[in-house]
Amino acid sequence: MDSVIATCPSCGTKNRIPASREGEPGRCGACRARLPPVYLGPLTLSDSDFDTFVSGYPGPVLAEFWAPW
């Protein structure tokens, strides 16, 4: 995948985000509003960084929990 399309939460413009910019916040090309970072795959978080990530991420977060037992 070379890029992904992110819709600006402020003006609704569709912005092409290069895959090389995964995890970096961007700016809308039309209104210059801040775009949330885009992740192309799952992130592995631990109990020490989960709360920080979820509370600081501006968009929806899908979490999957598992245990080895």
N, C-alpha and C. Protein backbone atom coordinates (compact mmCIF):
# COMPACT_ATOMS: atom_id res chain seq x y z
N MET A 1 0.86 -1.16 0.00
CA MET A 1 0.00 0.00 0.00
C MET A 1 0.91 1.24 0.00
N ASP A 2 0.74 2.08 -0.98
CA ASP A 2 1.58 3.27 -1.11
C ASP A 2 1.05 4.46 -0.32
N SER A 3 -0.27 4.51 -0.16
CA SER A 3 -0.87 5.64 0.55
C SER A 3 -2.24 5.24 1.08
N VAL A 4 -2.77 6.09 1.94
CA VAL A 4 -4.10 5.90 2.50
C VAL A 4 -4.82 7.25 2.46
N ILE A 5 -6.13 7.23 2.38
CA ILE A 5 -6.92 8.46 2.34
C ILE A 5 -7.47 8.74 3.73
N ALA A 6 -7.21 9.94 4.24
CA ALA A 6 -7.72 10.38 5.54
C ALA A 6 -8.63 11.59 5.31
N THR A 7 -9.81 11.54 5.89
CA THR A 7 -10.76 12.64 5.79
C THR A 7 -10.51 13.64 6.90
N CYS A 8 -10.42 14.91 6.53
CA CYS A 8 -10.18 15.97 7.50
C CYS A 8 -11.40 16.09 8.42
N PRO A 9 -11.20 16.07 9.75
CA PRO A 9 -12.32 16.21 10.67
C PRO A 9 -12.92 17.62 10.67
N SER A 10 -12.19 18.61 10.17
CA SER A 10 -12.69 20.00 10.18
C SER A 10 -13.50 20.35 8.95
N CYS A 11 -12.98 20.01 7.76
CA CYS A 11 -13.65 20.45 6.52
C CYS A 11 -14.15 19.30 5.64
N GLY A 12 -13.78 18.05 5.96
CA GLY A 12 -14.26 16.91 5.19
C GLY A 12 -13.46 16.60 3.93
N THR A 13 -12.39 17.34 3.66
CA THR A 13 -11.55 17.09 2.48
C THR A 13 -10.81 15.77 2.65
N LYS A 14 -10.73 15.02 1.57
CA LYS A 14 -9.98 13.77 1.58
C LYS A 14 -8.52 14.06 1.27
N ASN A 15 -7.63 13.57 2.12
CA ASN A 15 -6.19 13.82 2.00
C ASN A 15 -5.46 12.50 1.81
N ARG A 16 -4.54 12.46 0.86
CA ARG A 16 -3.74 11.27 0.62
C ARG A 16 -2.52 11.31 1.54
N ILE A 17 -2.37 10.28 2.37
CA ILE A 17 -1.26 10.19 3.31
C ILE A 17 -0.32 9.07 2.82
N PRO A 18 0.94 9.39 2.53
CA PRO A 18 1.88 8.34 2.09
C PRO A 18 2.13 7.33 3.21
N ALA A 19 2.30 6.07 2.84
CA ALA A 19 2.56 5.01 3.82
C ALA A 19 3.83 5.29 4.62
N SER A 20 4.76 6.01 4.04
CA SER A 20 6.01 6.32 4.74
C SER A 20 5.79 7.28 5.91
N ARG A 21 4.62 7.91 5.99
CA ARG A 21 4.30 8.85 7.07
C ARG A 21 3.40 8.22 8.13
N GLU A 22 3.38 6.89 8.18
CA GLU A 22 2.55 6.19 9.16
C GLU A 22 2.90 6.64 10.58
N GLY A 23 1.86 6.94 11.36
CA GLY A 23 2.05 7.33 12.76
C GLY A 23 2.36 8.79 12.98
N GLU A 24 2.50 9.57 11.92
CA GLU A 24 2.80 10.99 12.04
C GLU A 24 1.54 11.82 11.80
N PRO A 25 1.27 12.82 12.63
CA PRO A 25 0.13 13.69 12.34
C PRO A 25 0.43 14.53 11.10
N GLY A 26 -0.59 14.85 10.35
CA GLY A 26 -0.40 15.66 9.15
C GLY A 26 -1.25 16.91 9.18
N ARG A 27 -1.30 17.60 8.05
CA ARG A 27 -2.13 18.80 7.90
C ARG A 27 -3.02 18.62 6.68
N CYS A 28 -4.24 19.11 6.77
CA CYS A 28 -5.17 19.07 5.65
C CYS A 28 -4.66 19.99 4.55
N GLY A 29 -4.72 19.53 3.32
CA GLY A 29 -4.27 20.33 2.20
C GLY A 29 -5.19 21.51 1.90
N ALA A 30 -6.45 21.45 2.35
CA ALA A 30 -7.40 22.52 2.05
C ALA A 30 -7.46 23.57 3.16
N CYS A 31 -7.68 23.12 4.39
CA CYS A 31 -7.89 24.08 5.48
C CYS A 31 -6.72 24.16 6.46
N ARG A 32 -5.72 23.33 6.27
CA ARG A 32 -4.51 23.27 7.10
C ARG A 32 -4.77 22.82 8.55
N ALA A 33 -5.95 22.24 8.80
CA ALA A 33 -6.24 21.69 10.13
C ALA A 33 -5.38 20.45 10.35
N ARG A 34 -5.16 20.15 11.59
CA ARG A 34 -4.33 19.00 11.95
C ARG A 34 -5.10 17.70 11.70
N LEU A 35 -4.44 16.73 11.06
CA LEU A 35 -5.01 15.41 10.83
C LEU A 35 -4.44 14.44 11.85
N PRO A 36 -5.27 13.53 12.36
CA PRO A 36 -4.73 12.55 13.31
C PRO A 36 -3.76 11.60 12.61
N PRO A 37 -2.83 11.03 13.35
CA PRO A 37 -1.91 10.08 12.74
C PRO A 37 -2.66 8.84 12.25
N VAL A 38 -2.17 8.26 11.16
CA VAL A 38 -2.79 7.08 10.56
C VAL A 38 -1.85 5.90 10.79
N TYR A 39 -2.42 4.78 11.23
CA TYR A 39 -1.66 3.55 11.41
C TYR A 39 -2.20 2.50 10.45
N LEU A 40 -1.32 1.85 9.71
CA LEU A 40 -1.72 0.89 8.69
C LEU A 40 -1.85 -0.53 9.23
N GLY A 41 -1.38 -0.76 10.41
CA GLY A 41 -1.46 -2.08 11.02
C GLY A 41 -1.61 -1.94 12.52
N PRO A 42 -1.78 -3.07 13.21
CA PRO A 42 -1.95 -3.00 14.65
C PRO A 42 -0.67 -2.58 15.36
N LEU A 43 -0.85 -1.90 16.48
CA LEU A 43 0.26 -1.53 17.35
C LEU A 43 0.24 -2.43 18.57
N THR A 44 1.38 -2.85 19.02
CA THR A 44 1.47 -3.61 20.26
C THR A 44 1.78 -2.64 21.39
N LEU A 45 0.86 -2.53 22.32
CA LEU A 45 1.03 -1.63 23.45
C LEU A 45 1.10 -2.45 24.73
N SER A 46 1.78 -1.93 25.71
CA SER A 46 1.88 -2.60 27.00
C SER A 46 1.01 -1.86 28.01
N ASP A 47 0.94 -2.41 29.21
CA ASP A 47 0.14 -1.74 30.24
C ASP A 47 0.73 -0.39 30.64
N SER A 48 2.00 -0.16 30.35
CA SER A 48 2.61 1.12 30.71
C SER A 48 2.36 2.22 29.68
N ASP A 49 2.04 1.87 28.43
CA ASP A 49 1.82 2.92 27.42
C ASP A 49 0.42 2.92 26.82
N PHE A 50 -0.44 1.97 27.20
CA PHE A 50 -1.79 1.89 26.65
C PHE A 50 -2.62 3.13 26.99
N ASP A 51 -2.70 3.48 28.26
CA ASP A 51 -3.52 4.63 28.68
C ASP A 51 -3.06 5.93 28.03
N THR A 52 -1.76 6.12 27.94
CA THR A 52 -1.22 7.33 27.32
C THR A 52 -1.61 7.41 25.85
N PHE A 53 -1.49 6.30 25.13
CA PHE A 53 -1.83 6.29 23.71
C PHE A 53 -3.32 6.55 23.50
N VAL A 54 -4.16 5.81 24.19
CA VAL A 54 -5.62 5.93 24.00
C VAL A 54 -6.12 7.31 24.39
N SER A 55 -5.65 7.86 25.49
CA SER A 55 -6.13 9.17 25.92
C SER A 55 -5.60 10.29 25.02
N GLY A 56 -4.47 10.09 24.37
CA GLY A 56 -3.90 11.13 23.53
C GLY A 56 -4.25 11.03 22.06
N TYR A 57 -4.87 9.90 21.64
CA TYR A 57 -5.20 9.73 20.22
C TYR A 57 -6.53 10.41 19.92
N PRO A 58 -6.59 11.29 18.90
CA PRO A 58 -7.81 12.07 18.67
C PRO A 58 -8.94 11.31 17.98
N GLY A 59 -8.69 10.14 17.47
CA GLY A 59 -9.71 9.40 16.75
C GLY A 59 -10.16 8.17 17.51
N PRO A 60 -11.03 7.36 16.89
CA PRO A 60 -11.46 6.13 17.54
C PRO A 60 -10.32 5.13 17.61
N VAL A 61 -10.34 4.30 18.63
CA VAL A 61 -9.32 3.27 18.84
C VAL A 61 -10.03 1.93 18.99
N LEU A 62 -9.58 0.94 18.25
CA LEU A 62 -10.08 -0.43 18.39
C LEU A 62 -9.02 -1.21 19.14
N ALA A 63 -9.39 -1.79 20.27
CA ALA A 63 -8.42 -2.52 21.11
C ALA A 63 -8.81 -3.98 21.15
N GLU A 64 -7.81 -4.84 21.03
CA GLU A 64 -8.01 -6.28 21.18
C GLU A 64 -7.12 -6.73 22.34
N PHE A 65 -7.70 -7.41 23.29
CA PHE A 65 -6.97 -7.88 24.45
C PHE A 65 -6.87 -9.40 24.38
N TRP A 66 -5.76 -9.94 24.82
CA TRP A 66 -5.61 -11.39 24.87
C TRP A 66 -4.67 -11.75 26.01
N ALA A 67 -4.68 -13.00 26.37
CA ALA A 67 -3.79 -13.51 27.42
C ALA A 67 -3.27 -14.87 26.96
N PRO A 68 -2.06 -15.23 27.35
CA PRO A 68 -1.47 -16.48 26.87
C PRO A 68 -2.04 -17.74 27.52
N TRP A 69 -2.87 -17.62 28.54
CA TRP A 69 -3.35 -18.84 29.19
C TRP A 69 -4.56 -19.40 28.52
